[in-house]
Amino acid sequence: MLDITQLDIPNAFSPNGDGINDLFHIRVTGYFKLDGYKLFNRWGQLIFETKDITRDWDGRYNGNPLPVGSYYWVIEGIDVKGEKLRRTGSVTLLR
């Protein structure tokens, strides 16, 4: 087991069906136990939530494609040292 926890979180993705960066995908290096991962629109409406780090967001809400724009994420979990890890940020959805 690696003695680090590193999250690689992209700042943009393009769910346009071309097979390149179609999903908002978080890569984990080392150990990370996810407690929660949420995405919000600019008005604070929850549009995606999971407790499965392997589940990616496809740029949709209730099956409908969302418009180009910035979306905000919160990810919380436990790192390799057993400490609470919380990260926040934004991702730009492009088409």
N, C-alpha and C. Protein backbone atom coordinates (compact mmCIF):
# COMPACT_ATOMS: atom_id res chain seq x y z
N MET A 1 0.84 -1.18 0.00
CA MET A 1 0.00 0.00 0.00
C MET A 1 0.89 1.25 0.00
N LEU A 2 0.50 2.23 -0.79
CA LEU A 2 1.23 3.49 -0.81
C LEU A 2 0.96 4.28 0.45
N ASP A 3 1.94 5.05 0.91
CA ASP A 3 1.77 5.80 2.14
C ASP A 3 1.32 7.24 1.89
N ILE A 4 0.59 7.44 0.78
CA ILE A 4 0.04 8.75 0.47
C ILE A 4 -1.41 8.60 0.02
N THR A 5 -2.11 9.71 0.06
CA THR A 5 -3.42 9.80 -0.57
C THR A 5 -3.36 11.01 -1.48
N GLN A 6 -3.58 10.77 -2.77
CA GLN A 6 -3.57 11.87 -3.73
C GLN A 6 -4.79 11.75 -4.62
N LEU A 7 -5.53 12.85 -4.76
CA LEU A 7 -6.68 12.89 -5.64
C LEU A 7 -6.34 13.76 -6.84
N ASP A 8 -6.53 13.22 -8.03
CA ASP A 8 -6.32 13.95 -9.27
C ASP A 8 -7.69 14.28 -9.83
N ILE A 9 -8.07 15.55 -9.73
CA ILE A 9 -9.42 15.97 -10.10
C ILE A 9 -9.32 16.97 -11.24
N PRO A 10 -9.89 16.64 -12.40
CA PRO A 10 -9.79 17.54 -13.55
C PRO A 10 -10.59 18.83 -13.33
N ASN A 11 -10.21 19.89 -14.06
CA ASN A 11 -10.94 21.15 -13.94
C ASN A 11 -11.88 21.38 -15.12
N ALA A 12 -11.91 20.44 -16.07
CA ALA A 12 -12.82 20.54 -17.21
C ALA A 12 -13.04 19.15 -17.82
N PHE A 13 -14.18 19.00 -18.47
CA PHE A 13 -14.45 17.78 -19.25
C PHE A 13 -15.48 18.13 -20.31
N SER A 14 -15.61 17.24 -21.32
CA SER A 14 -16.48 17.54 -22.46
C SER A 14 -17.32 16.32 -22.83
N PRO A 15 -18.48 16.18 -22.20
CA PRO A 15 -19.34 15.02 -22.49
C PRO A 15 -20.09 15.17 -23.81
N ASN A 16 -19.33 15.12 -24.92
CA ASN A 16 -19.93 15.33 -26.24
C ASN A 16 -19.96 14.06 -27.09
N GLY A 17 -19.59 12.92 -26.49
CA GLY A 17 -19.68 11.66 -27.21
C GLY A 17 -18.52 11.33 -28.12
N ASP A 18 -17.44 12.12 -28.07
CA ASP A 18 -16.31 11.83 -28.96
C ASP A 18 -15.33 10.82 -28.38
N GLY A 19 -15.59 10.36 -27.15
CA GLY A 19 -14.72 9.36 -26.52
C GLY A 19 -13.51 9.94 -25.80
N ILE A 20 -13.37 11.25 -25.80
CA ILE A 20 -12.25 11.92 -25.14
C ILE A 20 -12.79 12.83 -24.04
N ASN A 21 -12.40 12.54 -22.81
CA ASN A 21 -12.84 13.34 -21.65
C ASN A 21 -14.36 13.47 -21.56
N ASP A 22 -15.08 12.41 -21.87
CA ASP A 22 -16.54 12.44 -21.83
C ASP A 22 -17.11 12.33 -20.42
N LEU A 23 -16.27 11.92 -19.46
CA LEU A 23 -16.72 11.74 -18.08
C LEU A 23 -15.86 12.56 -17.13
N PHE A 24 -16.48 13.07 -16.08
CA PHE A 24 -15.74 13.72 -15.00
C PHE A 24 -15.28 12.61 -14.07
N HIS A 25 -13.99 12.31 -14.14
CA HIS A 25 -13.41 11.15 -13.47
C HIS A 25 -12.35 11.58 -12.47
N ILE A 26 -12.46 11.10 -11.23
CA ILE A 26 -11.49 11.38 -10.19
C ILE A 26 -10.56 10.19 -10.07
N ARG A 27 -9.25 10.46 -10.17
CA ARG A 27 -8.24 9.40 -10.02
C ARG A 27 -7.65 9.48 -8.62
N VAL A 28 -7.49 8.32 -8.00
CA VAL A 28 -6.95 8.23 -6.65
C VAL A 28 -5.63 7.48 -6.68
N THR A 29 -4.62 8.06 -6.03
CA THR A 29 -3.35 7.37 -5.81
C THR A 29 -3.26 7.08 -4.32
N GLY A 30 -2.93 5.84 -3.97
CA GLY A 30 -2.86 5.46 -2.57
C GLY A 30 -4.22 5.04 -2.06
N TYR A 31 -4.38 5.12 -0.76
CA TYR A 31 -5.62 4.69 -0.12
C TYR A 31 -6.54 5.88 0.09
N PHE A 32 -7.83 5.71 -0.21
CA PHE A 32 -8.84 6.72 0.06
C PHE A 32 -10.18 6.03 0.23
N LYS A 33 -10.81 6.22 1.38
CA LYS A 33 -12.16 5.68 1.62
C LYS A 33 -13.13 6.84 1.48
N LEU A 34 -13.92 6.81 0.44
CA LEU A 34 -14.86 7.89 0.13
C LEU A 34 -16.04 7.86 1.11
N ASP A 35 -16.33 9.00 1.71
CA ASP A 35 -17.54 9.18 2.51
C ASP A 35 -18.65 9.79 1.68
N GLY A 36 -18.29 10.68 0.77
CA GLY A 36 -19.29 11.32 -0.07
C GLY A 36 -18.66 12.20 -1.13
N TYR A 37 -19.33 12.25 -2.27
CA TYR A 37 -18.87 13.03 -3.41
C TYR A 37 -20.12 13.65 -4.02
N LYS A 38 -20.16 14.99 -4.06
CA LYS A 38 -21.35 15.70 -4.52
C LYS A 38 -20.96 16.76 -5.54
N LEU A 39 -21.86 16.98 -6.49
CA LEU A 39 -21.71 18.04 -7.49
C LEU A 39 -22.95 18.94 -7.44
N PHE A 40 -22.71 20.25 -7.57
CA PHE A 40 -23.77 21.24 -7.50
C PHE A 40 -23.71 22.16 -8.70
N ASN A 41 -24.87 22.71 -9.09
CA ASN A 41 -24.86 23.74 -10.13
C ASN A 41 -24.58 25.09 -9.48
N ARG A 42 -24.58 26.15 -10.26
CA ARG A 42 -24.20 27.47 -9.73
C ARG A 42 -25.19 28.04 -8.74
N TRP A 43 -26.39 27.47 -8.66
CA TRP A 43 -27.39 27.92 -7.69
C TRP A 43 -27.39 27.05 -6.43
N GLY A 44 -26.45 26.11 -6.36
CA GLY A 44 -26.34 25.26 -5.17
C GLY A 44 -27.24 24.03 -5.18
N GLN A 45 -27.88 23.75 -6.32
CA GLN A 45 -28.74 22.58 -6.44
C GLN A 45 -27.86 21.33 -6.61
N LEU A 46 -28.12 20.31 -5.80
CA LEU A 46 -27.39 19.04 -5.91
C LEU A 46 -27.79 18.36 -7.21
N ILE A 47 -26.79 18.06 -8.05
CA ILE A 47 -27.08 17.43 -9.35
C ILE A 47 -26.48 16.04 -9.49
N PHE A 48 -25.55 15.68 -8.58
CA PHE A 48 -24.94 14.35 -8.63
C PHE A 48 -24.40 14.04 -7.25
N GLU A 49 -24.59 12.79 -6.83
CA GLU A 49 -24.08 12.36 -5.53
C GLU A 49 -23.78 10.88 -5.57
N THR A 50 -22.66 10.49 -4.96
CA THR A 50 -22.30 9.08 -4.90
C THR A 50 -21.40 8.82 -3.70
N LYS A 51 -21.34 7.57 -3.31
CA LYS A 51 -20.38 7.12 -2.30
C LYS A 51 -19.45 6.07 -2.91
N ASP A 52 -19.46 6.00 -4.24
CA ASP A 52 -18.63 5.06 -5.01
C ASP A 52 -17.63 5.86 -5.83
N ILE A 53 -16.37 5.85 -5.44
CA ILE A 53 -15.33 6.65 -6.11
C ILE A 53 -15.14 6.24 -7.57
N THR A 54 -15.56 5.06 -7.95
CA THR A 54 -15.41 4.61 -9.34
C THR A 54 -16.56 5.09 -10.23
N ARG A 55 -17.57 5.70 -9.65
CA ARG A 55 -18.71 6.20 -10.43
C ARG A 55 -18.40 7.60 -10.94
N ASP A 56 -18.40 7.77 -12.24
CA ASP A 56 -18.08 9.04 -12.88
C ASP A 56 -19.36 9.81 -13.24
N TRP A 57 -19.24 11.12 -13.36
CA TRP A 57 -20.37 11.95 -13.76
C TRP A 57 -20.32 12.18 -15.26
N ASP A 58 -21.47 12.03 -15.92
CA ASP A 58 -21.54 12.14 -17.37
C ASP A 58 -22.09 13.49 -17.86
N GLY A 59 -22.23 14.46 -16.97
CA GLY A 59 -22.72 15.78 -17.37
C GLY A 59 -24.22 15.86 -17.50
N ARG A 60 -24.91 14.90 -16.90
CA ARG A 60 -26.38 14.88 -16.98
C ARG A 60 -27.00 15.04 -15.59
N TYR A 61 -28.23 15.50 -15.60
CA TYR A 61 -29.04 15.56 -14.38
C TYR A 61 -30.41 15.02 -14.74
N ASN A 62 -30.85 14.01 -14.02
CA ASN A 62 -32.12 13.32 -14.31
C ASN A 62 -32.19 12.87 -15.77
N GLY A 63 -31.05 12.42 -16.31
CA GLY A 63 -31.00 11.90 -17.67
C GLY A 63 -30.88 12.94 -18.76
N ASN A 64 -30.92 14.22 -18.39
CA ASN A 64 -30.85 15.29 -19.38
C ASN A 64 -29.48 15.97 -19.36
N PRO A 65 -28.91 16.24 -20.54
CA PRO A 65 -27.61 16.92 -20.59
C PRO A 65 -27.71 18.32 -19.99
N LEU A 66 -26.73 18.67 -19.18
CA LEU A 66 -26.68 20.00 -18.59
C LEU A 66 -25.94 20.96 -19.50
N PRO A 67 -26.22 22.26 -19.37
CA PRO A 67 -25.56 23.23 -20.25
C PRO A 67 -24.09 23.45 -19.89
N VAL A 68 -23.38 24.03 -20.84
CA VAL A 68 -22.00 24.44 -20.61
C VAL A 68 -21.97 25.37 -19.41
N GLY A 69 -20.95 25.21 -18.57
CA GLY A 69 -20.83 26.08 -17.41
C GLY A 69 -19.95 25.48 -16.35
N SER A 70 -19.89 26.16 -15.22
CA SER A 70 -19.10 25.70 -14.08
C SER A 70 -20.00 24.97 -13.09
N TYR A 71 -19.49 23.88 -12.58
CA TYR A 71 -20.19 23.08 -11.57
C TYR A 71 -19.22 22.89 -10.42
N TYR A 72 -19.76 22.74 -9.24
CA TYR A 72 -18.94 22.76 -8.02
C TYR A 72 -19.03 21.42 -7.31
N TRP A 73 -17.89 20.93 -6.82
CA TRP A 73 -17.84 19.61 -6.21
C TRP A 73 -17.29 19.69 -4.79
N VAL A 74 -17.73 18.71 -3.99
CA VAL A 74 -17.23 18.50 -2.64
C VAL A 74 -16.95 17.01 -2.53
N ILE A 75 -15.76 16.66 -2.06
CA ILE A 75 -15.41 15.26 -1.86
C ILE A 75 -14.85 15.11 -0.46
N GLU A 76 -15.35 14.10 0.26
CA GLU A 76 -14.93 13.86 1.63
C GLU A 76 -14.64 12.38 1.82
N GLY A 77 -13.64 12.11 2.63
CA GLY A 77 -13.29 10.72 2.90
C GLY A 77 -12.19 10.62 3.94
N ILE A 78 -11.63 9.43 4.02
CA ILE A 78 -10.57 9.13 4.97
C ILE A 78 -9.30 8.80 4.18
N ASP A 79 -8.19 9.45 4.55
CA ASP A 79 -6.94 9.21 3.84
C ASP A 79 -6.17 8.03 4.44
N VAL A 80 -4.99 7.78 3.92
CA VAL A 80 -4.17 6.64 4.31
C VAL A 80 -3.78 6.69 5.79
N LYS A 81 -3.72 7.88 6.38
CA LYS A 81 -3.37 8.03 7.79
C LYS A 81 -4.58 7.93 8.72
N GLY A 82 -5.76 7.70 8.12
CA GLY A 82 -6.98 7.61 8.91
C GLY A 82 -7.58 8.97 9.25
N GLU A 83 -7.08 10.01 8.59
CA GLU A 83 -7.55 11.36 8.85
C GLU A 83 -8.60 11.77 7.83
N LYS A 84 -9.51 12.64 8.29
CA LYS A 84 -10.57 13.16 7.43
C LYS A 84 -9.95 14.05 6.35
N LEU A 85 -10.35 13.81 5.11
CA LEU A 85 -9.86 14.59 3.98
C LEU A 85 -11.08 15.21 3.31
N ARG A 86 -11.05 16.51 3.08
CA ARG A 86 -12.14 17.22 2.42
C ARG A 86 -11.55 18.14 1.37
N ARG A 87 -12.04 18.02 0.15
CA ARG A 87 -11.59 18.88 -0.95
C ARG A 87 -12.83 19.48 -1.61
N THR A 88 -12.67 20.71 -2.09
CA THR A 88 -13.74 21.38 -2.85
C THR A 88 -13.13 22.02 -4.08
N GLY A 89 -13.95 22.25 -5.08
CA GLY A 89 -13.45 22.89 -6.28
C GLY A 89 -14.54 23.00 -7.33
N SER A 90 -14.12 23.34 -8.52
CA SER A 90 -15.09 23.48 -9.62
C SER A 90 -14.58 22.74 -10.85
N VAL A 91 -15.51 22.42 -11.71
CA VAL A 91 -15.20 21.80 -12.99
C VAL A 91 -16.03 22.50 -14.06
N THR A 92 -15.42 22.73 -15.20
CA THR A 92 -16.13 23.36 -16.32
C THR A 92 -16.61 22.28 -17.27
N LEU A 93 -17.89 22.30 -17.55
CA LEU A 93 -18.48 21.38 -18.52
C LEU A 93 -18.47 22.08 -19.88
N LEU A 94 -17.82 21.45 -20.85
CA LEU A 94 -17.72 21.97 -22.22
C LEU A 94 -18.44 21.01 -23.16
N ARG A 95 -18.91 21.50 -24.26
CA ARG A 95 -19.54 20.63 -25.26
C ARG A 95 -18.82 20.75 -26.58
